Amino acid sequence: MTALGEAVFAAQGFEMNVGSLLLFLTVEAGDPAQFQNPDGDRDEAAVRAFLEQVDRLTLGQLKGKLEALGALDEETISQISLLNEKRKRLIHYFVADYVDCMDTVEGRQSVLEELKGINATLTEAWHNLQAFLAEKALEHRARQ
């Protein structure tokens, strides 16, 4: 079912960009010394360790870290929570919730429409997040 694959891809793209947002905002708000060795040079091991830590976080954990940073407004945090619920439902419960619908043409059409809606919502959020990150990166570069 192509629609399911597309929706899962959109969910992963969104989650990946939330991780990128956490990386950016952590570095932006943090102490640059956390990624430097005592000589002031970039500490590659510290950078790698931080990237690996963020990569292992779930979307809910990423949201919690973003919330703790205090760099995003309450509405944005709430939107990430709602999108996380959609993602969890898609990844963990979708097939079980819709297995009985697959026996009829109408049921399959209903499933397809639901997947298209989830895909559209997550893809839009993913693209909005990419635009937000690009804007923040340009602002950061302008301050350099």
N, C-alpha and C. Protein backbone atom coordinates (compact mmCIF):
# COMPACT_ATOMS: atom_id res chain seq x y z
N MET A 1 0.85 -1.17 0.00
CA MET A 1 0.00 0.00 0.00
C MET A 1 0.89 1.24 0.00
N THR A 2 0.99 1.86 -1.15
CA THR A 2 1.85 3.02 -1.35
C THR A 2 1.50 4.17 -0.41
N ALA A 3 0.22 4.40 -0.17
CA ALA A 3 -0.20 5.52 0.68
C ALA A 3 0.34 5.37 2.10
N LEU A 4 0.40 4.14 2.60
CA LEU A 4 0.94 3.92 3.94
C LEU A 4 2.43 4.26 3.96
N GLY A 5 3.17 3.82 2.95
CA GLY A 5 4.60 4.14 2.86
C GLY A 5 4.85 5.63 2.78
N GLU A 6 4.03 6.33 2.02
CA GLU A 6 4.19 7.78 1.89
C GLU A 6 3.91 8.48 3.22
N ALA A 7 2.89 8.03 3.93
CA ALA A 7 2.57 8.64 5.22
C ALA A 7 3.68 8.37 6.24
N VAL A 8 4.22 7.16 6.24
CA VAL A 8 5.32 6.83 7.16
C VAL A 8 6.56 7.67 6.80
N PHE A 9 6.83 7.83 5.52
CA PHE A 9 7.95 8.66 5.09
C PHE A 9 7.78 10.10 5.57
N ALA A 10 6.57 10.64 5.45
CA ALA A 10 6.30 12.01 5.93
C ALA A 10 6.49 12.09 7.44
N ALA A 11 6.07 11.06 8.16
CA ALA A 11 6.23 11.05 9.61
C ALA A 11 7.72 11.06 9.98
N GLN A 12 8.51 10.26 9.27
CA GLN A 12 9.95 10.22 9.53
C GLN A 12 10.62 11.53 9.17
N GLY A 13 10.21 12.13 8.06
CA GLY A 13 10.78 13.42 7.66
C GLY A 13 10.50 14.48 8.70
N PHE A 14 9.27 14.49 9.21
CA PHE A 14 8.92 15.45 10.25
C PHE A 14 9.76 15.21 11.50
N GLU A 15 9.84 13.96 11.94
CA GLU A 15 10.60 13.64 13.14
C GLU A 15 12.08 14.02 12.98
N MET A 16 12.64 13.76 11.83
CA MET A 16 14.03 14.11 11.56
C MET A 16 14.25 15.62 11.67
N ASN A 17 13.30 16.39 11.16
CA ASN A 17 13.42 17.84 11.22
C ASN A 17 13.21 18.39 12.61
N VAL A 18 12.41 17.72 13.43
CA VAL A 18 12.29 18.14 14.83
C VAL A 18 13.64 17.92 15.52
N GLY A 19 14.31 16.82 15.18
CA GLY A 19 15.66 16.59 15.72
C GLY A 19 16.63 17.66 15.26
N SER A 20 16.55 18.04 14.00
CA SER A 20 17.41 19.12 13.48
C SER A 20 17.13 20.44 14.20
N LEU A 21 15.86 20.69 14.47
CA LEU A 21 15.49 21.90 15.20
C LEU A 21 16.09 21.89 16.60
N LEU A 22 16.03 20.74 17.27
CA LEU A 22 16.63 20.64 18.60
C LEU A 22 18.14 20.89 18.52
N LEU A 23 18.80 20.30 17.54
CA LEU A 23 20.25 20.52 17.39
C LEU A 23 20.55 22.01 17.21
N PHE A 24 19.82 22.63 16.30
CA PHE A 24 20.07 24.05 16.00
C PHE A 24 19.82 24.92 17.23
N LEU A 25 18.67 24.75 17.87
CA LEU A 25 18.33 25.61 19.01
C LEU A 25 19.23 25.36 20.22
N THR A 26 19.69 24.12 20.38
CA THR A 26 20.60 23.82 21.48
C THR A 26 21.93 24.53 21.28
N VAL A 27 22.45 24.45 20.07
CA VAL A 27 23.71 25.12 19.77
C VAL A 27 23.54 26.64 19.85
N GLU A 28 22.43 27.13 19.29
CA GLU A 28 22.15 28.57 19.29
C GLU A 28 22.05 29.13 20.72
N ALA A 29 21.39 28.39 21.59
CA ALA A 29 21.14 28.88 22.95
C ALA A 29 22.24 28.48 23.93
N GLY A 30 23.06 27.53 23.53
CA GLY A 30 24.00 26.95 24.48
C GLY A 30 25.35 27.62 24.53
N ASP A 31 26.17 27.02 25.32
CA ASP A 31 27.53 27.46 25.51
C ASP A 31 28.40 26.83 24.41
N PRO A 32 29.01 27.65 23.54
CA PRO A 32 29.83 27.08 22.47
C PRO A 32 30.96 26.19 23.00
N ALA A 33 31.36 26.42 24.23
CA ALA A 33 32.46 25.64 24.81
C ALA A 33 32.10 24.17 24.97
N GLN A 34 30.79 23.85 24.98
CA GLN A 34 30.42 22.44 25.16
C GLN A 34 30.90 21.58 24.00
N PHE A 35 31.22 22.19 22.86
CA PHE A 35 31.70 21.45 21.70
C PHE A 35 33.15 21.81 21.37
N GLN A 36 33.88 22.35 22.34
CA GLN A 36 35.27 22.71 22.12
C GLN A 36 36.17 21.97 23.11
N ASN A 37 37.37 21.68 22.65
CA ASN A 37 38.34 21.09 23.56
C ASN A 37 39.03 22.23 24.31
N PRO A 38 39.88 21.94 25.29
CA PRO A 38 40.52 23.01 26.07
C PRO A 38 41.32 24.02 25.25
N ASP A 39 41.75 23.63 24.05
CA ASP A 39 42.50 24.56 23.19
C ASP A 39 41.58 25.49 22.40
N GLY A 40 40.27 25.29 22.52
CA GLY A 40 39.32 26.13 21.79
C GLY A 40 38.95 25.59 20.42
N ASP A 41 39.54 24.46 20.04
CA ASP A 41 39.19 23.83 18.77
C ASP A 41 37.93 22.99 18.94
N ARG A 42 37.25 22.74 17.82
CA ARG A 42 36.04 21.92 17.89
C ARG A 42 36.38 20.52 18.35
N ASP A 43 35.61 20.03 19.31
CA ASP A 43 35.78 18.68 19.86
C ASP A 43 34.85 17.75 19.08
N GLU A 44 35.42 17.06 18.10
CA GLU A 44 34.62 16.20 17.23
C GLU A 44 33.89 15.11 18.01
N ALA A 45 34.53 14.57 19.03
CA ALA A 45 33.90 13.51 19.82
C ALA A 45 32.67 14.04 20.56
N ALA A 46 32.75 15.25 21.08
CA ALA A 46 31.61 15.85 21.78
C ALA A 46 30.47 16.14 20.81
N VAL A 47 30.81 16.61 19.62
CA VAL A 47 29.78 16.88 18.61
C VAL A 47 29.11 15.56 18.21
N ARG A 48 29.90 14.54 17.93
CA ARG A 48 29.36 13.23 17.55
C ARG A 48 28.48 12.65 18.65
N ALA A 49 28.93 12.75 19.89
CA ALA A 49 28.15 12.22 21.01
C ALA A 49 26.80 12.93 21.13
N PHE A 50 26.80 14.25 20.94
CA PHE A 50 25.55 15.00 21.00
C PHE A 50 24.62 14.60 19.87
N LEU A 51 25.15 14.49 18.65
CA LEU A 51 24.35 14.07 17.50
C LEU A 51 23.76 12.68 17.71
N GLU A 52 24.55 11.77 18.23
CA GLU A 52 24.06 10.41 18.48
C GLU A 52 22.98 10.41 19.56
N GLN A 53 23.15 11.24 20.58
CA GLN A 53 22.14 11.33 21.63
C GLN A 53 20.81 11.82 21.06
N VAL A 54 20.84 12.87 20.26
CA VAL A 54 19.62 13.41 19.66
C VAL A 54 19.00 12.39 18.71
N ASP A 55 19.83 11.67 17.96
CA ASP A 55 19.34 10.69 17.01
C ASP A 55 18.57 9.55 17.68
N ARG A 56 18.87 9.25 18.93
CA ARG A 56 18.21 8.16 19.64
C ARG A 56 16.90 8.59 20.33
N LEU A 57 16.63 9.88 20.37
CA LEU A 57 15.43 10.35 21.05
C LEU A 57 14.17 10.09 20.22
N THR A 58 13.09 9.76 20.90
CA THR A 58 11.79 9.64 20.23
C THR A 58 11.26 11.04 19.96
N LEU A 59 10.21 11.13 19.16
CA LEU A 59 9.61 12.43 18.88
C LEU A 59 9.10 13.08 20.16
N GLY A 60 8.52 12.29 21.03
CA GLY A 60 8.05 12.82 22.32
C GLY A 60 9.21 13.35 23.17
N GLN A 61 10.31 12.64 23.17
CA GLN A 61 11.49 13.10 23.91
C GLN A 61 12.08 14.35 23.28
N LEU A 62 12.10 14.41 21.96
CA LEU A 62 12.58 15.61 21.27
C LEU A 62 11.73 16.81 21.67
N LYS A 63 10.42 16.61 21.68
CA LYS A 63 9.50 17.69 22.07
C LYS A 63 9.79 18.15 23.50
N GLY A 64 10.03 17.20 24.39
CA GLY A 64 10.34 17.54 25.78
C GLY A 64 11.62 18.35 25.89
N LYS A 65 12.63 17.98 25.13
CA LYS A 65 13.89 18.73 25.14
C LYS A 65 13.69 20.15 24.58
N LEU A 66 12.90 20.24 23.50
CA LEU A 66 12.62 21.57 22.93
C LEU A 66 11.85 22.43 23.94
N GLU A 67 10.91 21.82 24.61
CA GLU A 67 10.13 22.54 25.61
C GLU A 67 11.04 23.03 26.74
N ALA A 68 11.97 22.19 27.17
CA ALA A 68 12.89 22.56 28.25
C ALA A 68 13.81 23.71 27.85
N LEU A 69 14.15 23.79 26.56
CA LEU A 69 15.00 24.89 26.09
C LEU A 69 14.29 26.24 26.21
N GLY A 70 12.96 26.21 26.10
CA GLY A 70 12.19 27.45 26.19
C GLY A 70 12.33 28.36 24.98
N ALA A 71 12.78 27.81 23.87
CA ALA A 71 13.01 28.63 22.67
C ALA A 71 11.81 28.67 21.73
N LEU A 72 10.80 27.85 22.01
CA LEU A 72 9.61 27.80 21.15
C LEU A 72 8.38 28.20 21.95
N ASP A 73 7.42 28.78 21.26
CA ASP A 73 6.20 29.18 21.96
C ASP A 73 5.33 27.96 22.26
N GLU A 74 4.38 28.16 23.15
CA GLU A 74 3.52 27.08 23.61
C GLU A 74 2.71 26.46 22.47
N GLU A 75 2.27 27.28 21.53
CA GLU A 75 1.48 26.78 20.40
C GLU A 75 2.30 25.82 19.54
N THR A 76 3.57 26.14 19.31
CA THR A 76 4.43 25.27 18.51
C THR A 76 4.65 23.94 19.22
N ILE A 77 4.90 24.00 20.53
CA ILE A 77 5.07 22.77 21.31
C ILE A 77 3.80 21.93 21.25
N SER A 78 2.66 22.59 21.36
CA SER A 78 1.37 21.89 21.29
C SER A 78 1.17 21.23 19.93
N GLN A 79 1.56 21.93 18.86
CA GLN A 79 1.45 21.36 17.51
C GLN A 79 2.33 20.12 17.37
N ILE A 80 3.54 20.19 17.91
CA ILE A 80 4.43 19.02 17.85
C ILE A 80 3.79 17.85 18.60
N SER A 81 3.15 18.13 19.73
CA SER A 81 2.45 17.07 20.48
C SER A 81 1.34 16.44 19.66
N LEU A 82 0.53 17.27 19.02
CA LEU A 82 -0.57 16.75 18.20
C LEU A 82 -0.04 15.92 17.02
N LEU A 83 1.02 16.41 16.39
CA LEU A 83 1.61 15.68 15.27
C LEU A 83 2.25 14.38 15.75
N ASN A 84 2.79 14.39 16.95
CA ASN A 84 3.35 13.17 17.51
C ASN A 84 2.25 12.13 17.74
N GLU A 85 1.09 12.56 18.18
CA GLU A 85 -0.03 11.63 18.37
C GLU A 85 -0.44 11.02 17.03
N LYS A 86 -0.49 11.84 15.98
CA LYS A 86 -0.81 11.32 14.64
C LYS A 86 0.25 10.31 14.20
N ARG A 87 1.50 10.64 14.44
CA ARG A 87 2.59 9.76 14.05
C ARG A 87 2.50 8.44 14.81
N LYS A 88 2.27 8.50 16.13
CA LYS A 88 2.17 7.27 16.92
C LYS A 88 1.02 6.39 16.44
N ARG A 89 -0.11 7.04 16.17
CA ARG A 89 -1.26 6.28 15.69
C ARG A 89 -0.95 5.60 14.36
N LEU A 90 -0.30 6.31 13.48
CA LEU A 90 0.07 5.76 12.18
C LEU A 90 1.02 4.58 12.32
N ILE A 91 2.08 4.78 13.08
CA ILE A 91 3.13 3.77 13.18
C ILE A 91 2.70 2.57 14.02
N HIS A 92 2.02 2.81 15.13
CA HIS A 92 1.75 1.73 16.07
C HIS A 92 0.36 1.11 15.99
N TYR A 93 -0.62 1.84 15.50
CA TYR A 93 -2.00 1.36 15.59
C TYR A 93 -2.77 1.33 14.28
N PHE A 94 -2.26 1.94 13.24
CA PHE A 94 -3.05 2.12 12.03
C PHE A 94 -3.55 0.81 11.45
N VAL A 95 -2.67 -0.14 11.27
CA VAL A 95 -3.06 -1.41 10.65
C VAL A 95 -4.10 -2.12 11.52
N ALA A 96 -3.87 -2.18 12.82
CA ALA A 96 -4.84 -2.83 13.71
C ALA A 96 -6.18 -2.11 13.69
N ASP A 97 -6.17 -0.79 13.64
CA ASP A 97 -7.42 -0.02 13.63
C ASP A 97 -8.21 -0.21 12.35
N TYR A 98 -7.53 -0.45 11.24
CA TYR A 98 -8.22 -0.49 9.95
C TYR A 98 -8.25 -1.85 9.28
N VAL A 99 -7.77 -2.89 9.92
CA VAL A 99 -7.69 -4.20 9.29
C VAL A 99 -9.07 -4.69 8.84
N ASP A 100 -10.10 -4.44 9.61
CA ASP A 100 -11.43 -4.91 9.24
C ASP A 100 -12.02 -4.13 8.06
N CYS A 101 -11.55 -2.92 7.85
CA CYS A 101 -12.05 -2.09 6.73
C CYS A 101 -11.53 -2.56 5.39
N MET A 102 -10.49 -3.35 5.40
CA MET A 102 -9.82 -3.73 4.16
C MET A 102 -10.60 -4.75 3.33
N ASP A 103 -11.69 -5.29 3.89
CA ASP A 103 -12.45 -6.32 3.19
C ASP A 103 -13.41 -5.78 2.13
N THR A 104 -13.66 -4.46 2.16
CA THR A 104 -14.60 -3.89 1.20
C THR A 104 -13.93 -2.77 0.42
N VAL A 105 -14.48 -2.49 -0.75
CA VAL A 105 -13.96 -1.39 -1.57
C VAL A 105 -14.13 -0.07 -0.81
N GLU A 106 -15.29 0.11 -0.20
CA GLU A 106 -15.54 1.35 0.55
C GLU A 106 -14.58 1.48 1.73
N GLY A 107 -14.33 0.37 2.38
CA GLY A 107 -13.40 0.38 3.51
C GLY A 107 -11.99 0.74 3.08
N ARG A 108 -11.56 0.14 1.98
CA ARG A 108 -10.22 0.44 1.47
C ARG A 108 -10.12 1.90 1.05
N GLN A 109 -11.19 2.41 0.46
CA GLN A 109 -11.20 3.83 0.06
C GLN A 109 -11.11 4.73 1.29
N SER A 110 -11.81 4.35 2.36
CA SER A 110 -11.76 5.10 3.62
C SER A 110 -10.34 5.12 4.19
N VAL A 111 -9.70 3.96 4.16
CA VAL A 111 -8.32 3.85 4.65
C VAL A 111 -7.40 4.72 3.81
N LEU A 112 -7.57 4.66 2.52
CA LEU A 112 -6.74 5.46 1.61
C LEU A 112 -6.90 6.95 1.87
N GLU A 113 -8.13 7.40 2.06
CA GLU A 113 -8.38 8.82 2.35
C GLU A 113 -7.77 9.22 3.68
N GLU A 114 -7.88 8.37 4.68
CA GLU A 114 -7.27 8.65 5.99
C GLU A 114 -5.75 8.79 5.85
N LEU A 115 -5.15 7.87 5.12
CA LEU A 115 -3.69 7.92 4.93
C LEU A 115 -3.27 9.17 4.16
N LYS A 116 -4.04 9.54 3.15
CA LYS A 116 -3.72 10.75 2.39
C LYS A 116 -3.80 11.98 3.29
N GLY A 117 -4.78 12.01 4.19
CA GLY A 117 -4.91 13.13 5.11
C GLY A 117 -3.73 13.21 6.09
N ILE A 118 -3.34 12.07 6.63
CA ILE A 118 -2.19 12.02 7.55
C ILE A 118 -0.93 12.46 6.81
N ASN A 119 -0.75 11.93 5.61
CA ASN A 119 0.42 12.28 4.81
C ASN A 119 0.46 13.78 4.55
N ALA A 120 -0.67 14.35 4.16
CA ALA A 120 -0.71 15.80 3.86
C ALA A 120 -0.38 16.62 5.11
N THR A 121 -0.94 16.24 6.24
CA THR A 121 -0.69 16.98 7.49
C THR A 121 0.77 16.92 7.89
N LEU A 122 1.34 15.71 7.87
CA LEU A 122 2.74 15.56 8.27
C LEU A 122 3.71 16.17 7.26
N THR A 123 3.39 16.07 5.98
CA THR A 123 4.26 16.67 4.97
C THR A 123 4.25 18.19 5.09
N GLU A 124 3.08 18.77 5.32
CA GLU A 124 3.00 20.22 5.51
C GLU A 124 3.81 20.65 6.73
N ALA A 125 3.68 19.92 7.83
CA ALA A 125 4.44 20.25 9.04
C ALA A 125 5.94 20.11 8.79
N TRP A 126 6.33 19.07 8.08
CA TRP A 126 7.74 18.84 7.74
C TRP A 126 8.28 20.01 6.94
N HIS A 127 7.56 20.42 5.91
CA HIS A 127 8.02 21.52 5.06
C HIS A 127 8.02 22.86 5.82
N ASN A 128 7.03 23.07 6.67
CA ASN A 128 7.02 24.29 7.48
C ASN A 128 8.22 24.33 8.42
N LEU A 129 8.57 23.18 8.97
CA LEU A 129 9.72 23.10 9.86
C LEU A 129 11.01 23.36 9.10
N GLN A 130 11.11 22.84 7.88
CA GLN A 130 12.29 23.10 7.06
C GLN A 130 12.42 24.59 6.77
N ALA A 131 11.32 25.24 6.45
CA ALA A 131 11.34 26.68 6.18
C ALA A 131 11.75 27.46 7.43
N PHE A 132 11.23 27.05 8.58
CA PHE A 132 11.57 27.69 9.85
C PHE A 132 13.07 27.55 10.13
N LEU A 133 13.60 26.34 9.93
CA LEU A 133 15.03 26.12 10.15
C LEU A 133 15.88 26.96 9.20
N ALA A 134 15.47 27.04 7.96
CA ALA A 134 16.22 27.85 6.99
C ALA A 134 16.22 29.32 7.40
N GLU A 135 15.07 29.81 7.84
CA GLU A 135 14.97 31.20 8.30
C GLU A 135 15.87 31.45 9.51
N LYS A 136 15.84 30.52 10.47
CA LYS A 136 16.68 30.67 11.67
C LYS A 136 18.17 30.60 11.31
N ALA A 137 18.52 29.74 10.38
CA ALA A 137 19.92 29.65 9.96
C ALA A 137 20.39 30.93 9.30
N LEU A 138 19.53 31.54 8.49
CA LEU A 138 19.89 32.81 7.86
C LEU A 138 20.03 33.92 8.91
N GLU A 139 19.14 33.94 9.88
CA GLU A 139 19.25 34.92 10.96
C GLU A 139 20.54 34.72 11.74
N HIS A 140 20.87 33.48 12.01
CA HIS A 140 22.10 33.15 12.73
C HIS A 140 23.32 33.61 11.94
N ARG A 141 23.32 33.33 10.65
CA ARG A 141 24.44 33.70 9.79
C ARG A 141 24.58 35.22 9.73
N ALA A 142 23.47 35.94 9.69
CA ALA A 142 23.50 37.41 9.62
C ALA A 142 24.11 38.01 10.91
N ARG A 143 23.95 37.32 12.03
CA ARG A 143 24.52 37.81 13.30
C ARG A 143 26.01 37.53 13.43
N GLN A 144 26.52 36.62 12.59
CA GLN A 144 27.94 36.24 12.67
C GLN A 144 28.85 37.33 12.20
